[in-house]
Protein backbone atom coordinates (compact mmCIF):
# COMPACT_ATOMS: atom_id res chain seq x y z
CA UNK A 1 -25.13 -5.71 30.90
CA UNK A 2 -21.50 -5.03 31.55
CA UNK A 3 -19.86 -1.67 31.32
CA UNK A 4 -16.85 -2.76 29.32
CA UNK A 5 -14.59 0.11 28.35
CA UNK A 6 -11.89 -0.23 25.76
CA UNK A 7 -9.11 2.28 25.33
CA UNK A 8 -6.78 1.88 22.37
CA UNK A 9 -3.10 2.50 22.99
CA UNK A 10 -2.47 5.05 20.22
CA UNK A 11 1.30 5.05 20.52
CA UNK A 12 1.36 1.23 20.42
CA UNK A 13 -0.82 1.14 17.32
CA UNK A 14 1.36 3.79 15.64
CA UNK A 15 4.49 1.81 16.51
CA UNK A 16 2.94 -1.36 15.04
CA UNK A 17 1.82 0.38 11.83
CA UNK A 18 5.35 1.73 11.33
CA UNK A 19 7.09 -1.57 12.16
CA UNK A 20 9.33 -3.52 9.79
CA UNK A 21 6.92 -6.49 9.44
CA UNK A 22 4.11 -4.18 8.33
CA UNK A 23 6.46 -2.44 5.88
CA UNK A 24 7.48 -5.82 4.46
CA UNK A 25 3.84 -6.90 4.10
CA UNK A 26 2.96 -3.66 2.29
CA UNK A 27 5.99 -4.01 0.01
CA UNK A 28 4.97 -7.59 -0.88
CA UNK A 29 1.37 -6.56 -1.63
CA UNK A 30 2.55 -3.64 -3.77
CA UNK A 31 5.01 -5.88 -5.68
CA UNK A 32 2.20 -8.35 -6.41
CA UNK A 33 0.07 -5.52 -7.81
CA UNK A 34 3.02 -4.28 -9.86
CA UNK A 35 3.55 -7.74 -11.37
CA UNK A 36 -0.15 -8.07 -12.26
CA UNK A 37 -0.11 -4.59 -13.85
CA UNK A 38 2.87 -5.40 -16.08
CA UNK A 39 5.89 -3.44 -17.27
CA UNK A 40 6.22 0.28 -16.67
CA UNK A 41 4.91 0.41 -13.11
CA UNK A 42 7.01 1.16 -10.03
CA UNK A 43 6.59 0.55 -6.31
CA UNK A 44 7.48 3.07 -3.64
CA UNK A 45 7.23 2.73 0.12
CA UNK A 46 7.73 5.24 2.90
CA UNK A 47 6.96 5.68 6.57
CA UNK A 48 4.67 8.59 7.35
CA UNK A 49 3.76 10.20 10.66
CA UNK A 50 1.37 7.48 11.72
CA UNK A 51 1.89 4.49 9.42
CA UNK A 52 3.91 2.89 6.65
CA UNK A 53 2.65 3.43 3.10
CA UNK A 54 3.17 1.69 -0.22
CA UNK A 55 2.09 2.81 -3.66
CA UNK A 56 2.27 1.59 -7.23
CA UNK A 57 2.37 4.13 -10.03
CA UNK A 58 2.70 4.22 -13.78
CA UNK A 59 6.28 5.17 -14.60
CA UNK A 60 6.42 5.28 -18.41
CA UNK A 61 4.36 7.09 -21.03
CA UNK A 62 3.09 3.74 -22.32
CA UNK A 63 1.98 2.58 -18.86
CA UNK A 64 0.37 5.95 -18.10
CA UNK A 65 -1.70 5.72 -21.29
CA UNK A 66 -2.51 2.07 -20.58
CA UNK A 67 -3.67 2.91 -17.06
CA UNK A 68 -5.80 5.82 -18.30
CA UNK A 69 -7.46 3.71 -20.99
CA UNK A 70 -7.88 0.40 -19.12
CA UNK A 71 -7.70 1.25 -15.39
CA UNK A 72 -4.85 -1.23 -15.17
CA UNK A 73 -3.86 -0.44 -11.59
CA UNK A 74 -7.43 -0.64 -10.34
CA UNK A 75 -7.86 -4.04 -11.98
CA UNK A 76 -4.49 -5.23 -10.62
CA UNK A 77 -5.61 -4.47 -7.06
CA UNK A 78 -8.58 -6.83 -7.30
C-alpha cells in the first residue's frame, strides 16, 4: 500500500469558486430555473466569503402563492 497524502489548496479552491467562469455558470443555471418556473421569479447572484452564489426567488404575490401551492421552484430545479 502507498501512503499517498493529499492536501487541498484552500486559497486556490476559494479563488476558483469566486472566479468569473463559476459566476457565469451559476448565473446560467439560475436563469434556466427561472425560465422553467415562469413569470414572477427573479435571479440574484453575489460573491460570498468563500464562493459565488446564485438564487431564484418568487418576486410577485402571484408567484409566491404559486410556489407555496405547487412547489414551483423545487420542480424547476429538477
